[in-house]
Protein backbone atom coordinates (compact mmCIF):
# COMPACT_ATOMS: atom_id res chain seq x y z
CA MET A 1 0.00 0.00 0.00
CA PRO A 2 1.53 3.38 -0.98
CA ALA A 3 2.11 5.92 1.76
CA ILE A 4 1.28 8.88 -0.50
CA SER A 5 -1.20 9.31 -3.34
CA VAL A 6 -0.24 12.01 -5.85
CA VAL A 7 -3.34 13.40 -7.57
CA ILE A 8 -2.73 15.36 -10.78
CA PRO A 9 -5.72 16.98 -12.52
CA CYS A 10 -4.93 17.91 -16.11
CA TYR A 11 -6.68 19.66 -18.95
CA ASN A 12 -4.78 20.00 -22.23
CA ALA A 13 -1.49 19.81 -20.33
CA ALA A 14 0.45 17.48 -22.64
CA ARG A 15 3.20 20.07 -22.95
CA TRP A 16 3.89 20.15 -19.23
CA LEU A 17 3.10 16.64 -18.03
CA PRO A 18 6.47 14.98 -18.82
CA ALA A 19 8.40 17.41 -16.58
CA THR A 20 5.70 17.39 -13.90
CA LEU A 21 5.59 13.59 -13.77
CA ALA A 22 9.39 13.38 -13.82
CA SER A 23 9.45 15.55 -10.70
CA VAL A 24 7.19 12.94 -9.07
CA THR A 25 8.81 9.71 -10.27
CA SER A 26 12.24 10.97 -9.17
CA GLN A 27 11.07 11.22 -5.55
CA LYS A 28 12.88 8.85 -3.21
CA GLY A 29 12.56 7.52 0.32
CA VAL A 30 8.80 6.94 0.41
CA ASP A 31 6.30 4.78 -1.48
CA PHE A 32 3.75 6.63 -3.58
CA GLU A 33 1.17 6.14 -6.31
CA VAL A 34 0.32 8.54 -9.13
CA ILE A 35 -3.25 9.27 -10.22
CA VAL A 36 -3.71 11.45 -13.29
CA VAL A 37 -7.24 12.71 -13.92
CA ASP A 38 -7.65 13.74 -17.56
CA ASP A 39 -10.38 16.38 -17.40
CA GLY A 40 -11.64 16.11 -20.97
CA SER A 41 -8.35 17.02 -22.67
CA ALA A 42 -8.20 17.24 -26.45
CA ASP A 43 -4.40 17.25 -26.80
CA GLY A 44 -3.57 13.66 -25.92
CA SER A 45 -2.70 14.41 -22.30
CA ALA A 46 -3.68 10.91 -21.15
CA GLU A 47 -1.37 9.24 -23.67
CA VAL A 48 1.48 11.57 -22.75
CA ALA A 49 0.97 10.77 -19.07
CA ARG A 50 0.94 7.04 -19.75
CA ARG A 51 4.23 7.23 -21.64
CA ALA A 52 5.87 9.48 -19.03
CA CYS A 53 4.68 7.38 -16.09
CA PRO A 54 3.61 3.84 -17.09
CA ASP A 55 2.66 2.98 -13.50
CA ALA A 56 0.25 5.91 -13.16
CA ARG A 57 -3.47 5.28 -12.96
CA ILE A 58 -5.14 7.35 -15.66
CA ILE A 59 -8.75 8.36 -15.07
CA ARG A 60 -10.61 10.02 -17.93
CA THR A 61 -13.66 12.21 -17.45
CA GLU A 62 -15.58 14.90 -19.26
CA ASN A 63 -14.41 18.44 -18.68
CA ARG A 64 -15.84 19.63 -15.38
CA GLY A 65 -13.00 21.72 -13.96
CA ALA A 66 -9.98 21.21 -11.73
CA SER A 67 -11.88 20.84 -8.45
CA ALA A 68 -14.14 18.12 -9.83
CA ALA A 69 -11.07 16.35 -11.24
CA ARG A 70 -9.34 16.50 -7.87
CA ASN A 71 -12.44 15.15 -6.15
CA LEU A 72 -12.58 12.27 -8.62
CA GLY A 73 -8.90 11.53 -8.10
CA THR A 74 -9.32 11.68 -4.32
CA ALA A 75 -12.03 9.03 -4.51
CA HIS A 76 -9.38 6.61 -5.87
CA VAL A 77 -6.49 7.29 -3.48
CA ARG A 78 -5.07 4.45 -1.42
CA GLY A 79 -2.38 6.33 0.50
CA GLU A 80 -2.49 7.70 4.03
CA PHE A 81 -1.33 11.07 2.68
CA VAL A 82 -2.43 13.05 -0.37
CA GLN A 83 -0.31 15.25 -2.61
CA TYR A 84 -2.27 17.47 -5.00
CA LEU A 85 -0.16 18.65 -7.92
CA ASP A 86 -1.23 20.89 -10.80
CA ALA A 87 -0.23 19.48 -14.17
CA ASP A 88 2.26 22.24 -14.94
CA ASP A 89 3.91 22.58 -11.53
CA LEU A 90 6.87 20.63 -10.13
CA LEU A 91 7.81 18.95 -6.87
CA ALA A 92 11.24 19.78 -5.50
CA PRO A 93 13.65 16.84 -5.05
CA ASP A 94 12.90 14.77 -1.92
CA LYS A 95 9.78 16.84 -1.20
CA LEU A 96 7.53 13.87 -0.50
CA GLN A 97 10.03 12.22 1.82
CA ALA A 98 10.64 15.42 3.78
CA GLN A 99 7.00 16.33 4.32
CA HIS A 100 5.96 12.74 4.97
CA ALA A 101 8.59 12.48 7.70
CA THR A 102 7.47 15.81 9.16
CA LEU A 103 3.83 14.73 9.35
CA GLU A 104 4.72 11.35 10.82
CA HIS A 105 6.97 12.95 13.44
CA THR A 106 4.60 15.75 14.46
CA GLY A 107 1.23 14.09 13.96
CA ALA A 108 0.10 17.23 12.11
CA ASP A 109 -2.54 17.16 9.39
CA VAL A 110 -1.00 19.47 6.80
CA ALA A 111 2.65 20.11 5.95
CA TYR A 112 3.73 23.07 3.85
CA GLY A 113 7.03 24.62 2.84
CA ASP A 114 8.78 27.17 0.66
CA TRP A 115 8.05 27.42 -3.05
CA GLN A 116 9.64 29.14 -6.02
CA ARG A 117 8.08 31.02 -8.90
CA LEU A 118 9.05 29.98 -12.43
CA ALA A 119 8.40 33.00 -14.64
CA GLU A 120 7.77 32.58 -18.36
CA GLN A 121 9.98 34.97 -20.35
CA GLN A 122 9.07 33.63 -23.79
CA PRO A 123 6.61 30.88 -24.74
CA GLY A 124 7.86 27.73 -23.00
CA ASP A 125 10.94 29.45 -21.58
CA PHE A 126 10.87 29.72 -17.79
CA VAL A 127 13.43 31.26 -15.47
CA GLU A 128 13.72 30.85 -11.73
CA GLY A 129 12.07 33.67 -9.83
CA GLU A 130 11.33 34.62 -6.25
CA VAL A 131 11.41 32.00 -3.50
CA ILE A 132 8.44 32.47 -1.18
CA ARG A 133 9.31 31.74 2.45
CA ARG A 134 6.38 32.36 4.75
CA GLN A 135 4.99 30.66 7.82
CA LEU A 136 1.53 30.55 9.31
CA GLN A 137 1.30 31.89 12.82
CA ASP A 138 -1.27 31.22 15.53
CA ASP A 139 -4.56 31.26 13.56
CA PRO A 140 -4.20 29.57 10.15
CA ALA A 141 -7.85 30.07 9.16
CA VAL A 142 -7.64 33.84 9.58
CA GLU A 143 -4.38 34.07 7.63
CA LEU A 144 -5.57 31.75 4.85
CA LEU A 145 -8.69 33.90 4.43
CA THR A 146 -6.81 37.19 4.28
CA HIS A 147 -3.27 36.94 2.94
CA PHE A 148 -1.51 33.55 3.02
CA TRP A 149 -1.32 31.35 -0.07
CA CYS A 150 0.72 28.39 -1.30
CA PRO A 151 0.24 26.43 -4.53
CA PRO A 152 -1.11 22.90 -3.98
CA ALA A 153 2.32 21.47 -4.80
CA ALA A 154 3.78 23.02 -1.64
CA TYR A 155 1.37 21.12 0.65
CA LEU A 156 1.06 17.51 1.78
CA PHE A 157 -2.25 16.51 3.40
CA ARG A 158 -3.02 13.68 5.77
CA ARG A 159 -5.84 11.57 4.35
CA GLY A 160 -7.84 12.02 7.55
CA ILE A 161 -8.18 15.80 7.11
CA VAL A 162 -8.97 15.37 3.40
CA ASP A 163 -11.84 13.06 4.34
CA LYS A 164 -12.97 15.45 7.06
CA VAL A 165 -13.18 18.38 4.63
CA GLY A 166 -15.02 16.13 2.20
CA SER A 167 -14.35 17.74 -1.17
CA TRP A 168 -12.88 20.62 -3.09
CA ASN A 169 -15.34 23.52 -3.33
CA LEU A 170 -17.01 23.46 -6.75
CA ARG A 171 -18.58 26.88 -6.16
CA LEU A 172 -15.18 28.58 -6.38
CA PRO A 173 -13.71 27.82 -9.81
CA VAL A 174 -10.92 30.40 -9.50
CA ILE A 175 -9.70 30.26 -5.89
CA GLN A 176 -10.50 26.62 -5.12
CA ASP A 177 -6.90 25.87 -4.12
CA ALA A 178 -6.85 28.62 -1.50
CA ARG A 179 -10.22 27.46 -0.18
CA PHE A 180 -9.19 23.84 0.26
CA ALA A 181 -6.34 24.78 2.60
CA LEU A 182 -8.71 27.16 4.38
CA ASP A 183 -11.30 24.40 4.73
CA CYS A 184 -8.65 22.24 6.39
CA ALA A 185 -8.01 25.04 8.88
CA LEU A 186 -11.75 25.51 9.48
CA HIS A 187 -11.89 21.80 10.33
CA GLN A 188 -9.22 22.33 12.97
CA ALA A 189 -6.30 20.90 11.00
CA LYS A 190 -2.88 21.24 12.55
CA PHE A 191 -0.46 22.85 10.10
CA VAL A 192 3.30 22.32 10.29
CA TYR A 193 6.04 24.14 8.43
CA CYS A 194 8.60 21.89 6.72
CA PRO A 195 11.77 23.93 6.11
CA GLY A 196 13.22 24.05 2.63
CA LEU A 197 12.13 24.39 -0.97
CA MET A 198 9.17 22.11 -1.64
CA ALA A 199 7.73 23.10 -5.03
CA PHE A 200 8.05 25.13 -8.21
CA TYR A 201 5.06 27.15 -9.42
CA ARG A 202 4.87 28.07 -13.10
CA GLU A 203 3.66 31.58 -13.87
CA HIS A 204 2.71 31.61 -17.53
CA ALA A 205 2.92 34.74 -19.64
CA LYS A 206 -0.87 34.61 -19.94
CA SER A 207 -0.80 34.29 -16.18
CA SER A 208 -3.05 32.44 -13.76
CA LEU A 209 -6.82 32.17 -14.04
CA SER A 210 -7.18 34.68 -11.21
CA LYS A 211 -5.33 37.30 -13.23
CA ARG A 212 -6.80 36.43 -16.64
CA ASN A 213 -10.32 36.88 -15.30
CA ASN A 214 -10.14 39.38 -12.47
CA THR A 215 -13.92 39.75 -12.28
CA ALA A 216 -14.37 36.02 -11.65
CA PHE A 217 -11.55 36.13 -9.11
CA ILE A 218 -13.15 38.95 -7.13
CA ARG A 219 -16.56 37.26 -7.25
CA ASP A 220 -14.98 34.09 -5.89
CA CYS A 221 -13.38 36.13 -3.10
CA LEU A 222 -16.79 37.54 -2.17
CA THR A 223 -18.43 34.11 -2.15
CA ASN A 224 -15.55 32.76 -0.11
CA ALA A 225 -15.74 35.51 2.51
CA LEU A 226 -19.52 35.17 2.89
CA GLU A 227 -19.33 31.37 3.18
CA VAL A 228 -16.59 31.55 5.81
CA LYS A 229 -18.56 34.19 7.73
CA GLU A 230 -21.62 31.92 7.71
CA TYR A 231 -19.51 28.95 8.83
CA TRP A 232 -17.96 30.84 11.76
CA GLU A 233 -21.35 32.17 12.79
CA SER A 234 -22.75 28.62 12.75
CA GLN A 235 -20.04 27.49 15.16
CA GLY A 236 -21.28 29.87 17.85
CA SER A 237 -17.83 31.29 18.60
CA PHE A 238 -17.15 34.18 16.24
CA SER A 239 -14.01 35.79 17.67
CA ARG A 240 -13.02 39.40 17.14
CA ARG A 241 -10.06 38.34 15.02
CA GLN A 242 -12.30 36.23 12.81
CA ARG A 243 -14.70 39.16 12.42
CA ASP A 244 -11.81 41.43 11.47
CA ALA A 245 -10.65 38.88 8.89
CA VAL A 246 -14.08 38.67 7.24
CA ARG A 247 -14.40 42.45 7.29
CA SER A 248 -10.96 42.82 5.70
CA ALA A 249 -11.79 40.27 2.99
CA LEU A 250 -15.08 41.99 2.17
CA HIS A 251 -13.39 45.40 2.11
CA THR A 252 -10.78 44.14 -0.34
CA VAL A 253 -13.57 42.86 -2.59
CA ALA A 254 -15.42 46.19 -2.43
CA ILE A 255 -12.33 48.19 -3.38
CA SER A 256 -11.40 45.78 -6.17
CA ALA A 257 -14.94 45.68 -7.61
CA CYS A 258 -15.57 49.43 -7.43
CA GLY A 259 -15.77 50.80 -10.95
CA ASN A 260 -15.35 47.33 -12.47
CA ASP A 261 -18.18 45.08 -11.31
CA PRO A 262 -21.21 47.03 -9.97
CA LEU A 263 -23.14 43.96 -8.77
CA THR A 264 -20.23 42.51 -6.80
CA TYR A 265 -19.43 45.98 -5.46
CA GLN A 266 -22.99 46.43 -4.22
CA ARG A 267 -23.09 42.98 -2.62
CA ALA A 268 -19.79 43.56 -0.81
CA CYS A 269 -20.88 46.99 0.41
CA ASP A 270 -24.22 45.65 1.60
CA ALA A 271 -22.47 42.82 3.46
CA ILE A 272 -20.09 45.19 5.23
CA THR A 273 -22.86 47.66 6.07
CA GLU A 274 -24.90 44.86 7.62
CA PHE A 275 -22.02 43.01 9.23
CA ALA A 276 -19.69 45.82 10.30
CA ALA A 277 -21.64 49.04 10.72
CA GLY A 278 -19.36 51.98 11.41
CA PHE A 279 -16.35 50.33 9.78
CA THR A 280 -13.67 53.00 9.19
CA PRO A 281 -10.76 51.42 7.32
CA GLY A 282 -7.68 53.26 6.15
CA SER A 283 -4.07 53.67 7.15
CA ASN A 284 -4.17 57.49 7.29
CA TRP A 285 -6.41 60.10 8.84
CA ILE A 286 -7.85 61.39 5.56
CA SER A 287 -9.25 58.05 4.41
CA ARG A 288 -10.57 57.30 7.90
CA MET A 289 -12.30 60.70 7.92
CA VAL A 290 -13.96 59.96 4.57
CA PHE A 291 -15.35 56.69 5.95
CA ARG A 292 -16.63 58.49 9.05
CA LEU A 293 -18.36 61.20 7.06
CA LEU A 294 -19.90 59.13 4.28
CA PRO A 295 -21.84 55.86 4.13
CA TYR A 296 -19.45 53.02 3.40
CA ARG A 297 -20.54 52.55 -0.26
CA TYR A 298 -20.03 56.23 -1.06
CA ALA A 299 -16.75 56.43 0.83
CA VAL A 300 -15.24 53.61 -1.23
CA ALA A 301 -16.48 55.23 -4.44
CA CYS A 302 -15.11 58.62 -3.41
CA LEU A 303 -11.67 57.24 -2.67
CA HIS A 304 -11.76 55.20 -5.87
CA ILE A 305 -12.29 58.38 -7.86
CA CYS A 306 -9.57 60.23 -5.95
CA ARG A 307 -7.01 57.44 -6.05
CA PRO A 308 -5.42 58.25 -9.44
CA ARG A 309 -4.53 61.72 -8.16
CA LEU A 310 -4.06 60.97 -4.50
CA ARG A 311 -2.68 57.46 -4.34
CA PHE A 312 -1.33 57.96 -0.86
CA LEU A 313 -4.90 58.23 0.43
CA HIS A 314 -6.01 54.74 -0.37
CA PRO A 315 -3.43 52.24 -1.65
CA ALA A 316 -4.76 49.48 -3.88
CA PRO A 317 -5.58 46.33 -1.89
CA THR A 318 -3.43 43.27 -2.01
CA ALA A 319 -4.86 39.77 -2.15
CA SER A 320 -3.22 36.46 -1.27
CA VAL A 321 0.18 35.92 -2.86
CA ARG A 322 -0.42 34.09 -6.17
């Protein structure tokens, strides 16, 4: 029985699969299985995967998206631990062994580590970029909602927490990877940092889905914040820090949607007005004064109009590192 099940969803990823699978098959020190879920590819991805990794189990399905493919792959895992790996990303050497040992030693549910960006300079030509070294602190759920992000390749999950979460969230087609880690935290998972470089994350010239379709990304962020708010409220113990995290997430959505997506902007403003009446965000006295003088919706719009001339008043929000 393999210790780790590596689940790789792929859609028209024939170009990247050989390198991705090579980064898996070169892992040493721990037994693992490879499950490739071909999500309705039309470029021969399944055949490429079979040639690159003859021992892999190939599961074919109609195109339903990455989360559905991961859920299908998860239903076939046999390992005690689960490694999710996007079809164009890479595991660092000895990653599985290192994180497996860390989880076994600590009894934690989720291991994570450093990861490196691979930036595309020309089509198919990637150069090593920034290495992201960040650690979660005392409240992973709050940080995962507001600012912390790792690609799936940087994590290793214990099967028990995967089963407890149940599935990848199909309602969030853009930020489903961030939500799965957050769902683990919401289900009281213990996270442990495994020092060292664990994964390589390709940043294509066309960029990630979240950047190609910013409107869909912001709408996902709104749905995510409202769902997490509802979950925390249902638990009967909504702490001040959790409230601040939801408020911050909704505020980021409102600023990002202002002038771009009226419906999402209105929904975010309505949620903040209902949930956090009297909210006066801002890092300087002028922006705080605007929020005190005007209703929240009008304050955001006012600062949005002023921002091109007075950028120091209201810096553009930053989302999770992606």
